C-alpha atoms as a PDB file:
ATOM      1  CA  MET A   1       2.564   1.308   5.789  1.00  0.00           C
ATOM      2  CA  GLY A   2       5.123   0.380   3.225  1.00  0.00           C
ATOM      3  CA  GLU A   3       6.545  -3.071   2.857  1.00  0.00           C
ATOM      4  CA  ASN A   4       9.861  -1.349   2.195  1.00  0.00           C
ATOM      5  CA  ASP A   5      10.245  -0.071   5.753  1.00  0.00           C
ATOM      6  CA  ARG A   6      13.464  -1.717   6.921  1.00  0.00           C
ATOM      7  CA  VAL A   7      13.755  -1.092  10.664  1.00  0.00           C
ATOM      8  CA  ARG A   8      16.998  -1.457  12.607  1.00  0.00           C
ATOM      9  CA  THR A   9      15.879  -2.106  16.169  1.00  0.00           C
ATOM     10  CA  ARG A  10      18.380  -4.614  17.492  1.00  0.00           C
ATOM     11  CA  GLY A  11      21.706  -3.921  19.115  1.00  0.00           C
ATOM     12  CA  GLY A  12      20.785  -0.340  19.988  1.00  0.00           C
ATOM     13  CA  ASP A  13      20.697   0.827  16.363  1.00  0.00           C
ATOM     14  CA  ASP A  14      18.712   3.878  15.333  1.00  0.00           C
ATOM     15  CA  PRO A  15      15.128   2.616  14.811  1.00  0.00           C
ATOM     16  CA  ARG A  16      14.594   4.189  11.415  1.00  0.00           C
ATOM     17  CA  HIS A  17      13.790   2.670   8.070  1.00  0.00           C
ATOM     18  CA  VAL A  18      15.406   2.978   4.668  1.00  0.00           C
ATOM     19  CA  PRO A  19      12.669   3.188   2.030  1.00  0.00           C
ATOM     20  CA  VAL A  20      13.038   1.377  -1.257  1.00  0.00           C
ATOM     21  CA  LEU A  21      13.761   3.630  -4.265  1.00  0.00           C
ATOM     22  CA  LEU A  22      13.835   6.671  -1.986  1.00  0.00           C
ATOM     23  CA  ASP A  23      15.906   8.880  -4.298  1.00  0.00           C
ATOM     24  CA  ARG A  24      13.759   7.965  -7.294  1.00  0.00           C
ATOM     25  CA  CYS A  25      10.551   8.723  -5.395  1.00  0.00           C
ATOM     26  CA  VAL A  26      11.820  12.165  -4.399  1.00  0.00           C
ATOM     27  CA  GLU A  27      12.942  12.784  -7.995  1.00  0.00           C
ATOM     28  CA  LEU A  28       9.452  11.935  -9.279  1.00  0.00           C
ATOM     29  CA  LEU A  29       7.734  14.097  -6.655  1.00  0.00           C
ATOM     30  CA  ARG A  30      10.040  17.122  -6.912  1.00  0.00           C
ATOM     31  CA  PRO A  31       8.535  18.815 -10.025  1.00  0.00           C
ATOM     32  CA  ALA A  32       5.131  18.883  -8.331  1.00  0.00           C
ATOM     33  CA  LEU A  33       6.430  20.325  -5.062  1.00  0.00           C
ATOM     34  CA  GLU A  34       8.982  22.996  -5.969  1.00  0.00           C
ATOM     35  CA  HIS A  35       6.687  25.985  -5.494  1.00  0.00           C
ATOM     36  CA  ASP A  36       5.499  27.947  -2.488  1.00  0.00           C
ATOM     37  CA  GLY A  37       2.665  26.340  -0.566  1.00  0.00           C
ATOM     38  CA  ALA A  38       3.142  22.881  -2.114  1.00  0.00           C
ATOM     39  CA  VAL A  39       1.418  20.043  -0.267  1.00  0.00           C
ATOM     40  CA  MET A  40       2.168  16.322  -0.475  1.00  0.00           C
ATOM     41  CA  VAL A  41      -0.049  13.673   1.080  1.00  0.00           C
ATOM     42  CA  ASP A  42       2.000  10.687   2.217  1.00  0.00           C
ATOM     43  CA  CYS A  43      -0.807   8.155   2.250  1.00  0.00           C
ATOM     44  CA  THR A  44       1.252   5.429   3.952  1.00  0.00           C
ATOM     45  CA  LEU A  45       3.410   7.392   6.373  1.00  0.00           C
ATOM     46  CA  GLY A  46       4.935   4.465   8.238  1.00  0.00           C
ATOM     47  CA  LEU A  47       7.985   5.599  10.164  1.00  0.00           C
ATOM     48  CA  GLY A  48       8.293   8.714   8.021  1.00  0.00           C
ATOM     49  CA  GLY A  49      11.250   7.886   5.786  1.00  0.00           C
ATOM     50  CA  HIS A  50       9.733   9.246   2.595  1.00  0.00           C
ATOM     51  CA  ALA A  51       8.230  12.249   4.374  1.00  0.00           C
ATOM     52  CA  GLU A  52      11.570  13.115   5.977  1.00  0.00           C
ATOM     53  CA  ALA A  53      13.374  12.987   2.629  1.00  0.00           C
ATOM     54  CA  VAL A  54      10.781  15.211   0.949  1.00  0.00           C
ATOM     55  CA  LEU A  55      10.764  17.744   3.787  1.00  0.00           C
ATOM     56  CA  ASP A  56      14.557  17.805   3.928  1.00  0.00           C
ATOM     57  CA  ARG A  57      15.234  18.020   0.184  1.00  0.00           C
ATOM     58  CA  ILE A  58      12.279  20.143  -0.977  1.00  0.00           C
ATOM     59  CA  PRO A  59      12.005  23.174   1.357  1.00  0.00           C
ATOM     60  CA  THR A  60       8.801  24.431  -0.274  1.00  0.00           C
ATOM     61  CA  ALA A  61       6.888  21.246   0.590  1.00  0.00           C
ATOM     62  CA  THR A  62       4.504  20.548   3.448  1.00  0.00           C
ATOM     63  CA  VAL A  63       3.534  16.939   4.161  1.00  0.00           C
ATOM     64  CA  ILE A  64       0.245  15.550   5.430  1.00  0.00           C
ATOM     65  CA  GLY A  65       1.034  12.032   6.644  1.00  0.00           C
ATOM     66  CA  ILE A  66      -1.708   9.397   6.845  1.00  0.00           C
ATOM     67  CA  ASP A  67      -1.399   6.097   8.685  1.00  0.00           C
ATOM     68  CA  ARG A  68      -3.896   3.717  10.229  1.00  0.00           C
ATOM     69  CA  ASP A  69      -1.265   2.521  12.734  1.00  0.00           C
ATOM     70  CA  VAL A  70      -1.280   4.782  15.807  1.00  0.00           C
ATOM     71  CA  HIS A  71       2.109   3.450  16.915  1.00  0.00           C
ATOM     72  CA  ALA A  72       3.687   4.425  13.595  1.00  0.00           C
ATOM     73  CA  LEU A  73       2.112   7.883  13.773  1.00  0.00           C
ATOM     74  CA  THR A  74       3.660   8.472  17.177  1.00  0.00           C
ATOM     75  CA  MET A  75       7.121   7.386  16.047  1.00  0.00           C
ATOM     76  CA  ALA A  76       6.930   9.312  12.764  1.00  0.00           C
ATOM     77  CA  GLY A  77       5.706  12.393  14.623  1.00  0.00           C
ATOM     78  CA  GLU A  78       8.766  12.306  16.870  1.00  0.00           C
ATOM     79  CA  ARG A  79      11.055  11.823  13.890  1.00  0.00           C
ATOM     80  CA  LEU A  80       9.527  14.690  11.913  1.00  0.00           C
ATOM     81  CA  ALA A  81       9.093  17.122  14.826  1.00  0.00           C
ATOM     82  CA  PRO A  82      12.128  19.220  13.717  1.00  0.00           C
ATOM     83  CA  PHE A  83      10.148  20.267  10.621  1.00  0.00           C
ATOM     84  CA  GLY A  84       7.524  21.986  12.769  1.00  0.00           C
ATOM     85  CA  ASP A  85       4.240  22.847  11.083  1.00  0.00           C
ATOM     86  CA  ARG A  86       5.504  21.610   7.716  1.00  0.00           C
ATOM     87  CA  PHE A  87       4.334  18.161   8.853  1.00  0.00           C
ATOM     88  CA  VAL A  88       0.870  17.090  10.031  1.00  0.00           C
ATOM     89  CA  GLY A  89       0.079  13.499  10.995  1.00  0.00           C
ATOM     90  CA  VAL A  90      -3.438  12.096  10.615  1.00  0.00           C
ATOM     91  CA  HIS A  91      -4.805   8.816  11.986  1.00  0.00           C
ATOM     92  CA  ALA A  92      -6.846   7.447   9.085  1.00  0.00           C
ATOM     93  CA  THR A  93      -6.950   4.811   6.392  1.00  0.00           C
ATOM     94  CA  TYR A  94      -5.693   6.122   3.090  1.00  0.00           C
ATOM     95  CA  ASP A  95      -9.006   5.700   1.303  1.00  0.00           C
ATOM     96  CA  GLU A  96     -10.243   8.535   3.541  1.00  0.00           C
ATOM     97  CA  ILE A  97      -8.356  11.108   1.440  1.00  0.00           C
ATOM     98  CA  PRO A  98     -11.364  13.447   0.958  1.00  0.00           C
ATOM     99  CA  ASP A  99     -12.015  13.568   4.718  1.00  0.00           C
ATOM    100  CA  VAL A 100      -8.329  14.086   5.504  1.00  0.00           C
ATOM    101  CA  LEU A 101      -8.066  16.979   3.050  1.00  0.00           C
ATOM    102  CA  SER A 102     -11.283  18.508   4.339  1.00  0.00           C
ATOM    103  CA  GLY A 103      -9.972  18.238   7.884  1.00  0.00           C
ATOM    104  CA  GLN A 104      -6.927  20.249   6.820  1.00  0.00           C
ATOM    105  CA  GLY A 105      -9.068  22.923   5.167  1.00  0.00           C
ATOM    106  CA  ARG A 106      -8.472  21.646   1.650  1.00  0.00           C
ATOM    107  CA  SER A 107     -10.770  20.608  -1.158  1.00  0.00           C
ATOM    108  CA  ALA A 108     -11.318  16.954  -1.997  1.00  0.00           C
ATOM    109  CA  ARG A 109     -10.996  18.042  -5.643  1.00  0.00           C
ATOM    110  CA  ALA A 110      -7.643  19.514  -6.666  1.00  0.00           C
ATOM    111  CA  GLY A 111      -6.579  19.919  -3.059  1.00  0.00           C
ATOM    112  CA  ALA A 112      -2.967  18.652  -3.131  1.00  0.00           C
ATOM    113  CA  ASP A 113       0.147  18.741  -5.294  1.00  0.00           C
ATOM    114  CA  ALA A 114       1.367  15.177  -4.777  1.00  0.00           C
ATOM    115  CA  PHE A 115       0.314  11.848  -3.362  1.00  0.00           C
ATOM    116  CA  LEU A 116       2.659   9.030  -2.386  1.00  0.00           C
ATOM    117  CA  PHE A 117       1.566   5.453  -1.724  1.00  0.00           C
ATOM    118  CA  ASP A 118       4.023   2.861  -0.376  1.00  0.00           C
ATOM    119  CA  LEU A 119       1.821  -0.204  -0.117  1.00  0.00           C
ATOM    120  CA  GLY A 120       2.039  -3.316   2.039  1.00  0.00           C
ATOM    121  CA  VAL A 121       3.120  -4.021   5.597  1.00  0.00           C
ATOM    122  CA  SER A 122       6.063  -2.355   7.331  1.00  0.00           C
ATOM    123  CA  SER A 123       9.039  -3.922   9.022  1.00  0.00           C
ATOM    124  CA  MET A 124       8.008  -2.227  12.244  1.00  0.00           C
ATOM    125  CA  GLN A 125       4.795  -4.228  12.156  1.00  0.00           C
ATOM    126  CA  LEU A 126       6.641  -7.365  11.102  1.00  0.00           C
ATOM    127  CA  ASP A 127       9.210  -7.027  13.871  1.00  0.00           C
ATOM    128  CA  VAL A 128       6.713  -6.700  16.732  1.00  0.00           C
ATOM    129  CA  ARG A 129       5.792 -10.256  17.658  1.00  0.00           C
ATOM    130  CA  GLU A 130       2.447  -9.336  19.201  1.00  0.00           C
ATOM    131  CA  ARG A 131       1.182  -7.887  15.908  1.00  0.00           C
ATOM    132  CA  GLY A 132       1.054 -11.421  14.496  1.00  0.00           C
ATOM    133  CA  PHE A 133       2.227 -10.718  10.931  1.00  0.00           C
ATOM    134  CA  MET A 134       5.113 -13.187  10.860  1.00  0.00           C
ATOM    135  CA  TYR A 135       5.176 -16.969  10.789  1.00  0.00           C
ATOM    136  CA  ALA A 136       8.719 -17.415  12.126  1.00  0.00           C
ATOM    137  CA  GLU A 137       7.555 -17.703  15.741  1.00  0.00           C
ATOM    138  CA  ASP A 138       4.361 -18.484  17.604  1.00  0.00           C
ATOM    139  CA  ALA A 139       2.408 -15.240  18.087  1.00  0.00           C
ATOM    140  CA  PRO A 140      -1.194 -14.034  18.421  1.00  0.00           C
ATOM    141  CA  LEU A 141      -3.060 -14.189  15.116  1.00  0.00           C
ATOM    142  CA  ASP A 142      -3.827 -10.477  14.906  1.00  0.00           C
ATOM    143  CA  MET A 143      -2.439  -8.899  11.677  1.00  0.00           C
ATOM    144  CA  ARG A 144      -4.395  -5.631  12.009  1.00  0.00           C
ATOM    145  CA  MET A 145      -2.482  -2.599  10.765  1.00  0.00           C
ATOM    146  CA  ASP A 146      -4.690  -0.558  13.073  1.00  0.00           C
ATOM    147  CA  ASP A 147      -4.704  -2.707  16.185  1.00  0.00           C
ATOM    148  CA  THR A 148      -7.362  -0.560  17.859  1.00  0.00           C
ATOM    149  CA  THR A 149     -10.262  -1.783  15.747  1.00  0.00           C
ATOM    150  CA  GLY A 150     -11.577  -4.462  13.389  1.00  0.00           C
ATOM    151  CA  LYS A 151     -11.451  -8.209  13.024  1.00  0.00           C
ATOM    152  CA  THR A 152      -8.244 -10.166  13.507  1.00  0.00           C
ATOM    153  CA  ALA A 153      -6.794 -13.059  11.551  1.00  0.00           C
ATOM    154  CA  ALA A 154      -8.000 -15.368  14.343  1.00  0.00           C
ATOM    155  CA  ASP A 155     -11.534 -14.048  13.846  1.00  0.00           C
ATOM    156  CA  ILE A 156     -11.347 -14.951  10.160  1.00  0.00           C
ATOM    157  CA  LEU A 157      -9.950 -18.420  10.814  1.00  0.00           C
ATOM    158  CA  ASN A 158     -12.629 -19.111  13.430  1.00  0.00           C
ATOM    159  CA  THR A 159     -15.678 -17.734  11.590  1.00  0.00           C
ATOM    160  CA  TYR A 160     -15.247 -17.966   7.799  1.00  0.00           C
ATOM    161  CA  ASP A 161     -16.607 -21.119   6.229  1.00  0.00           C
ATOM    162  CA  ALA A 162     -14.430 -23.287   3.987  1.00  0.00           C
ATOM    163  CA  ARG A 163     -15.643 -21.600   0.813  1.00  0.00           C
ATOM    164  CA  GLU A 164     -14.847 -18.104   2.126  1.00  0.00           C
ATOM    165  CA  LEU A 165     -11.429 -19.210   3.361  1.00  0.00           C
ATOM    166  CA  THR A 166     -10.688 -20.801  -0.007  1.00  0.00           C
ATOM    167  CA  ARG A 167     -11.546 -17.524  -1.756  1.00  0.00           C
ATOM    168  CA  VAL A 168      -9.235 -15.528   0.513  1.00  0.00           C
ATOM    169  CA  LEU A 169      -6.302 -17.911   0.151  1.00  0.00           C
ATOM    170  CA  ARG A 170      -6.713 -18.259  -3.602  1.00  0.00           C
ATOM    171  CA  GLU A 171      -7.389 -14.597  -4.432  1.00  0.00           C
ATOM    172  CA  TYR A 172      -4.927 -12.874  -2.113  1.00  0.00           C
ATOM    173  CA  GLY A 173      -2.313 -15.578  -1.616  1.00  0.00           C
ATOM    174  CA  GLU A 174      -2.514 -17.291  -5.002  1.00  0.00           C
ATOM    175  CA  GLU A 175      -2.337 -20.504  -3.007  1.00  0.00           C
ATOM    176  CA  LYS A 176      -2.720 -23.621  -5.181  1.00  0.00           C
ATOM    177  CA  PHE A 177      -3.836 -25.740  -2.224  1.00  0.00           C
ATOM    178  CA  ALA A 178      -6.376 -23.215  -0.958  1.00  0.00           C
ATOM    179  CA  SER A 179      -9.372 -25.525  -0.688  1.00  0.00           C
ATOM    180  CA  LYS A 180      -7.357 -28.280   1.009  1.00  0.00           C
ATOM    181  CA  ILE A 181      -5.966 -25.834   3.564  1.00  0.00           C
ATOM    182  CA  ALA A 182      -9.385 -24.253   4.141  1.00  0.00           C
ATOM    183  CA  ARG A 183     -11.001 -27.605   4.920  1.00  0.00           C
ATOM    184  CA  ALA A 184      -8.223 -28.433   7.377  1.00  0.00           C
ATOM    185  CA  ILE A 185      -8.592 -25.047   9.118  1.00  0.00           C
ATOM    186  CA  VAL A 186     -12.329 -25.579   9.590  1.00  0.00           C
ATOM    187  CA  ALA A 187     -11.848 -29.166  10.815  1.00  0.00           C
ATOM    188  CA  ARG A 188      -9.242 -28.167  13.387  1.00  0.00           C
ATOM    189  CA  ARG A 189     -11.283 -25.326  14.878  1.00  0.00           C
ATOM    190  CA  ALA A 190     -14.143 -27.708  15.623  1.00  0.00           C
ATOM    191  CA  SER A 191     -12.139 -28.890  18.603  1.00  0.00           C
ATOM    192  CA  VAL A 192      -9.552 -26.127  19.175  1.00  0.00           C
ATOM    193  CA  PRO A 193     -10.124 -22.476  18.183  1.00  0.00           C
ATOM    194  CA  TRP A 194      -7.379 -20.597  16.385  1.00  0.00           C
ATOM    195  CA  THR A 195      -5.455 -18.172  18.592  1.00  0.00           C
ATOM    196  CA  THR A 196      -1.745 -18.206  17.627  1.00  0.00           C
ATOM    197  CA  SER A 197       0.329 -18.667  14.488  1.00  0.00           C
ATOM    198  CA  GLY A 198       2.361 -21.732  15.508  1.00  0.00           C
ATOM    199  CA  PRO A 199      -0.402 -24.321  15.007  1.00  0.00           C
ATOM    200  CA  LEU A 200      -1.339 -22.704  11.682  1.00  0.00           C
ATOM    201  CA  VAL A 201       2.219 -23.036  10.397  1.00  0.00           C
ATOM    202  CA  GLU A 202       2.231 -26.676  11.517  1.00  0.00           C
ATOM    203  CA  LEU A 203      -1.032 -27.304   9.665  1.00  0.00           C
ATOM    204  CA  LEU A 204       0.370 -25.762   6.495  1.00  0.00           C
ATOM    205  CA  TYR A 205       3.404 -28.043   6.619  1.00  0.00           C
ATOM    206  CA  VAL A 206       1.029 -31.000   6.789  1.00  0.00           C
ATOM    207  CA  GLU A 207      -1.433 -29.873   4.105  1.00  0.00           C
ATOM    208  CA  ILE A 208       1.024 -28.573   1.484  1.00  0.00           C
ATOM    209  CA  PRO A 209       2.741 -31.504  -0.286  1.00  0.00           C
ATOM    210  CA  ALA A 210       6.488 -31.831   0.191  1.00  0.00           C
ATOM    211  CA  PRO A 211       7.426 -31.062  -3.455  1.00  0.00           C
ATOM    212  CA  ALA A 212       5.496 -27.778  -3.269  1.00  0.00           C
ATOM    213  CA  ARG A 213       7.108 -26.893   0.067  1.00  0.00           C
ATOM    214  CA  ARG A 214      10.540 -27.034  -1.546  1.00  0.00           C
ATOM    215  CA  THR A 215       9.761 -24.180  -3.976  1.00  0.00           C
ATOM    216  CA  GLY A 216       8.372 -20.676  -3.699  1.00  0.00           C
ATOM    217  CA  GLY A 217       9.669 -19.780  -0.250  1.00  0.00           C
ATOM    218  CA  HIS A 218       8.214 -20.647   3.152  1.00  0.00           C
ATOM    219  CA  PRO A 219       4.980 -22.680   2.853  1.00  0.00           C
ATOM    220  CA  ALA A 220       3.200 -20.261   5.211  1.00  0.00           C
ATOM    221  CA  LYS A 221       4.081 -17.147   3.203  1.00  0.00           C
ATOM    222  CA  ARG A 222       1.050 -17.180   0.899  1.00  0.00           C
ATOM    223  CA  THR A 223      -1.495 -17.972   3.605  1.00  0.00           C
ATOM    224  CA  PHE A 224      -0.206 -15.283   5.963  1.00  0.00           C
ATOM    225  CA  GLN A 225      -0.171 -12.741   3.143  1.00  0.00           C
ATOM    226  CA  ALA A 226      -3.748 -13.626   2.209  1.00  0.00           C
ATOM    227  CA  LEU A 227      -4.983 -13.335   5.785  1.00  0.00           C
ATOM    228  CA  ARG A 228      -3.255  -9.975   6.232  1.00  0.00           C
ATOM    229  CA  MET A 229      -4.802  -8.586   3.060  1.00  0.00           C
ATOM    230  CA  GLU A 230      -8.263  -9.775   4.108  1.00  0.00           C
ATOM    231  CA  VAL A 231      -7.945  -8.449   7.668  1.00  0.00           C
ATOM    232  CA  ASN A 232      -6.980  -4.994   6.405  1.00  0.00           C
ATOM    233  CA  ASP A 233      -9.136  -4.950   3.234  1.00  0.00           C
ATOM    234  CA  GLU A 234      -5.998  -3.872   1.410  1.00  0.00           C
ATOM    235  CA  LEU A 235      -7.309  -4.179  -2.146  1.00  0.00           C
ATOM    236  CA  GLY A 236     -10.645  -2.607  -1.262  1.00  0.00           C
ATOM    237  CA  VAL A 237      -8.894   0.369   0.325  1.00  0.00           C
ATOM    238  CA  LEU A 238      -6.639   0.728  -2.721  1.00  0.00           C
ATOM    239  CA  ARG A 239      -9.614   0.612  -5.109  1.00  0.00           C
ATOM    240  CA  ARG A 240     -11.104   3.592  -3.301  1.00  0.00           C
ATOM    241  CA  ALA A 241      -7.889   5.487  -2.626  1.00  0.00           C
ATOM    242  CA  ILE A 242      -6.352   5.764  -6.107  1.00  0.00           C
ATOM    243  CA  PRO A 243      -9.449   7.408  -7.666  1.00  0.00           C
ATOM    244  CA  ALA A 244      -9.656   9.765  -4.670  1.00  0.00           C
ATOM    245  CA  SER A 245      -6.033  10.813  -5.192  1.00  0.00           C
ATOM    246  CA  LEU A 246      -6.528  11.357  -8.915  1.00  0.00           C
ATOM    247  CA  GLU A 247      -9.521  13.561  -8.220  1.00  0.00           C
ATOM    248  CA  ALA A 248      -7.673  15.556  -5.555  1.00  0.00           C
ATOM    249  CA  ILE A 249      -4.508  16.286  -7.518  1.00  0.00           C
ATOM    250  CA  ARG A 250      -3.854  19.719  -9.019  1.00  0.00           C
ATOM    251  CA  VAL A 251      -2.608  20.439 -12.526  1.00  0.00           C
ATOM    252  CA  GLY A 252       1.108  19.647 -12.525  1.00  0.00           C
ATOM    253  CA  GLY A 253       0.622  17.392  -9.529  1.00  0.00           C
ATOM    254  CA  ARG A 254       1.759  13.788  -9.368  1.00  0.00           C
ATOM    255  CA  VAL A 255       0.631  10.494  -7.849  1.00  0.00           C
ATOM    256  CA  VAL A 256       3.472   8.059  -7.120  1.00  0.00           C
ATOM    257  CA  VAL A 257       2.792   4.453  -6.101  1.00  0.00           C
ATOM    258  CA  GLU A 258       5.113   1.693  -4.893  1.00  0.00           C
ATOM    259  CA  SER A 259       3.478  -1.757  -4.980  1.00  0.00           C
ATOM    260  CA  TYR A 260       4.852  -5.072  -3.735  1.00  0.00           C
ATOM    261  CA  HIS A 261       2.130  -7.474  -4.812  1.00  0.00           C
ATOM    262  CA  SER A 262       0.995  -8.283  -8.335  1.00  0.00           C
ATOM    263  CA  LEU A 263      -2.672  -7.699  -7.485  1.00  0.00           C
ATOM    264  CA  GLU A 264      -1.907  -4.210  -6.157  1.00  0.00           C
ATOM    265  CA  ASP A 265       0.272  -3.290  -9.112  1.00  0.00           C
ATOM    266  CA  ARG A 266      -2.368  -4.560 -11.541  1.00  0.00           C
ATOM    267  CA  LEU A 267      -4.982  -2.303  -9.947  1.00  0.00           C
ATOM    268  CA  VAL A 268      -2.693   0.730 -10.066  1.00  0.00           C
ATOM    269  CA  LYS A 269      -1.842   0.022 -13.717  1.00  0.00           C
ATOM    270  CA  GLN A 270      -5.544  -0.231 -14.595  1.00  0.00           C
ATOM    271  CA  PHE A 271      -6.389   3.075 -12.919  1.00  0.00           C
ATOM    272  CA  PHE A 272      -3.451   4.877 -14.525  1.00  0.00           C
ATOM    273  CA  THR A 273      -4.214   3.413 -17.957  1.00  0.00           C
ATOM    274  CA  LYS A 274      -7.836   4.492 -17.716  1.00  0.00           C
ATOM    275  CA  ALA A 275      -6.867   8.010 -16.608  1.00  0.00           C
ATOM    276  CA  THR A 276      -4.453   8.486 -19.532  1.00  0.00           C
ATOM    277  CA  ARG A 277      -6.552   6.840 -22.240  1.00  0.00           C
ATOM    278  CA  LEU A 278      -7.494   9.015 -25.225  1.00  0.00           C
ATOM    279  CA  ASP A 279     -11.266   8.683 -25.560  1.00  0.00           C
ATOM    280  CA  VAL A 280     -11.675   9.411 -29.279  1.00  0.00           C
ATOM    281  CA  PRO A 281     -12.071   7.133 -32.328  1.00  0.00           C
ATOM    282  CA  PRO A 282      -8.676   5.757 -33.422  1.00  0.00           C
ATOM    283  CA  ASP A 283      -9.156   7.043 -36.996  1.00  0.00           C
ATOM    284  CA  MET A 284      -9.870  10.656 -35.967  1.00  0.00           C
ATOM    285  CA  PRO A 285      -7.245  12.870 -37.712  1.00  0.00           C
ATOM    286  CA  PHE A 286      -6.996  15.324 -34.800  1.00  0.00           C
ATOM    287  CA  ILE A 287      -7.837  15.517 -31.129  1.00  0.00           C
ATOM    288  CA  PRO A 288     -10.704  17.946 -30.469  1.00  0.00           C
ATOM    289  CA  GLU A 289     -10.024  20.602 -27.885  1.00  0.00           C
ATOM    290  CA  GLY A 290     -11.044  19.409 -24.444  1.00  0.00           C
ATOM    291  CA  MET A 291     -10.774  15.726 -25.401  1.00  0.00           C
ATOM    292  CA  GLU A 292      -7.118  15.348 -24.444  1.00  0.00           C
ATOM    293  CA  PRO A 293      -6.433  13.037 -21.491  1.00  0.00           C
ATOM    294  CA  GLU A 294      -6.300  14.806 -18.138  1.00  0.00           C
ATOM    295  CA  PHE A 295      -3.235  12.769 -17.094  1.00  0.00           C
ATOM    296  CA  ARG A 296       0.023  11.513 -18.558  1.00  0.00           C
ATOM    297  CA  LEU A 297       2.191   8.618 -17.448  1.00  0.00           C
ATOM    298  CA  VAL A 298       5.509   9.746 -15.946  1.00  0.00           C
ATOM    299  CA  THR A 299       7.091   6.312 -15.700  1.00  0.00           C
ATOM    300  CA  ARG A 300       7.309   3.954 -18.646  1.00  0.00           C
ATOM    301  CA  GLY A 301       5.686   0.830 -17.277  1.00  0.00           C
ATOM    302  CA  ALA A 302       6.675  -0.170 -13.763  1.00  0.00           C
ATOM    303  CA  GLU A 303      10.157   0.687 -12.539  1.00  0.00           C
ATOM    304  CA  GLN A 304      12.075  -1.746 -10.320  1.00  0.00           C
ATOM    305  CA  ALA A 305      14.974  -1.595  -7.898  1.00  0.00           C
ATOM    306  CA  ASP A 306      18.446  -2.337  -9.259  1.00  0.00           C
ATOM    307  CA  ASP A 307      20.772  -5.128  -8.145  1.00  0.00           C
ATOM    308  CA  THR A 308      22.625  -2.873  -5.721  1.00  0.00           C
ATOM    309  CA  GLU A 309      19.468  -1.936  -3.850  1.00  0.00           C
ATOM    310  CA  ASN A 310      18.195  -5.505  -3.898  1.00  0.00           C
ATOM    311  CA  SER A 311      21.434  -6.691  -2.309  1.00  0.00           C
ATOM    312  CA  HIS A 312      21.032  -4.218   0.569  1.00  0.00           C
ATOM    313  CA  ASN A 313      17.306  -4.731   1.048  1.00  0.00           C
ATOM    314  CA  PRO A 314      15.769  -8.050  -0.088  1.00  0.00           C
ATOM    315  CA  ARG A 315      12.269  -6.552   0.098  1.00  0.00           C
ATOM    316  CA  ALA A 316      13.158  -4.259  -2.780  1.00  0.00           C
ATOM    317  CA  ALA A 317      13.084  -7.201  -5.179  1.00  0.00           C
ATOM    318  CA  SER A 318       9.307  -7.127  -5.546  1.00  0.00           C
ATOM    319  CA  VAL A 319       8.777  -3.350  -5.786  1.00  0.00           C
ATOM    320  CA  ARG A 320       6.938  -1.897  -8.783  1.00  0.00           C
ATOM    321  CA  LEU A 321       6.981   1.909  -9.038  1.00  0.00           C
ATOM    322  CA  ARG A 322       4.516   3.893 -11.155  1.00  0.00           C
ATOM    323  CA  ALA A 323       3.818   7.631 -11.431  1.00  0.00           C
ATOM    324  CA  ILE A 324       1.188   9.764 -13.165  1.00  0.00           C
ATOM    325  CA  GLU A 325       0.788  13.540 -13.599  1.00  0.00           C
ATOM    326  CA  ARG A 326      -2.301  15.706 -14.102  1.00  0.00           C
ATOM    327  CA  VAL A 327      -1.724  17.830 -17.222  1.00  0.00           C
ATOM    328  CA  ARG A 328      -5.046  19.643 -17.525  1.00  0.00           C
ATOM    329  CA  PRO A 329      -7.972  20.480 -15.264  1.00  0.00           C
ATOM    330  CA  ALA A 330     -10.890  18.134 -14.963  1.00  0.00           C
ATOM    331  CA  SER A 331     -13.761  19.285 -17.113  1.00  0.00           C
ATOM    332  CA  SER A 332     -17.065  19.901 -15.394  1.00  0.00           C
ATOM    333  CA  SER A 333     -18.544  17.017 -17.361  1.00  0.00           C
ATOM    334  CA  SER A 334     -15.773  14.591 -16.426  1.00  0.00           C
ATOM    335  CA  PRO A 335     -16.965  11.778 -14.179  1.00  0.00           C
ATOM    336  CA  SER A 336     -15.055  11.120 -10.991  1.00  0.00           C
ATOM    337  CA  PRO A 337     -12.439   8.377 -11.423  1.00  0.00           C
ATOM    338  CA  SER A 338     -13.920   5.012 -10.607  1.00  0.00           C
ATOM    339  CA  SER A 339     -12.658   1.523 -10.055  1.00  0.00           C
ATOM    340  CA  PRO A 340     -11.898  -0.567 -13.125  1.00  0.00           C
ATOM    341  CA  SER A 341     -13.936  -3.696 -13.332  1.00  0.00           C
ATOM    342  CA  ARG A 342     -12.539  -6.830 -11.758  1.00  0.00           C
ATOM    343  CA  GLY A 343     -12.183  -8.381 -15.151  1.00  0.00           C
ATOM    344  CA  ALA A 344     -10.295  -5.454 -16.628  1.00  0.00           C
END
């Protein structure tokens, strides 16, 4: 579910979200969907903001919406009910694209016209205290996007050794004091197991030096982000999902991705660069037939939200938007897209 989902739930307001760069996303998707029978897979359905805009503005489009959060699926289903059979919701993780397409009677290869990814955690998840994503108040250390299965943040804090915890905090949170924090987490659980977020926030205030606490936002931000990404295997899912979407897209189809974390955006950039790379010697005077790249970049680099959007939605400040289009069929000898190496 997208980190851009801004939910208005207080004071009796309509509980819907306003996606970041919504108009731009629809503009990028439109050329792939303006034909009869067009199908878009919204891989991170959330509360259905993107799906609603596509269904409303592009009458030829049908949307298959994927989300691992059963609560979001229910709410999005209610929101999108007026579109009838033009919308289908599927409870899955978005790296299960081949299975989702197969379940809808479509091929895992060239089975859709567009894919949309809006990565990160949604405001709906952030706003529900019991989900445990936020550090502003004491809450259960859960952080599962699908709260029906899998390990929780408390499980990680209570079972990972100091070395594993250091890796998580350093890799996913880019936390400079990762090893110091990890040792303190392990020492504390020897007498009191981790169950709620309040004591963790207190520990972070103690372990992170005062000068560092005065810069870079709340001192718990990086640790909570790292735990959330580990709980939900967010980078692992993304590494599997982007190649699956590239394989499943038809000629003229587009994959559009909104990222909110540098690690996510780096992965997307690597996949898109690999898919559009011309695999011939640089001194070759012409491109042999069949050697042209199968994809072209639609966006030049990563697009960002403007000042107006940032002022209305602070979460828009970190968005990076990229889009790619399939321009020719995959050759029978073409290997399936695969993950770039970690050192790429």
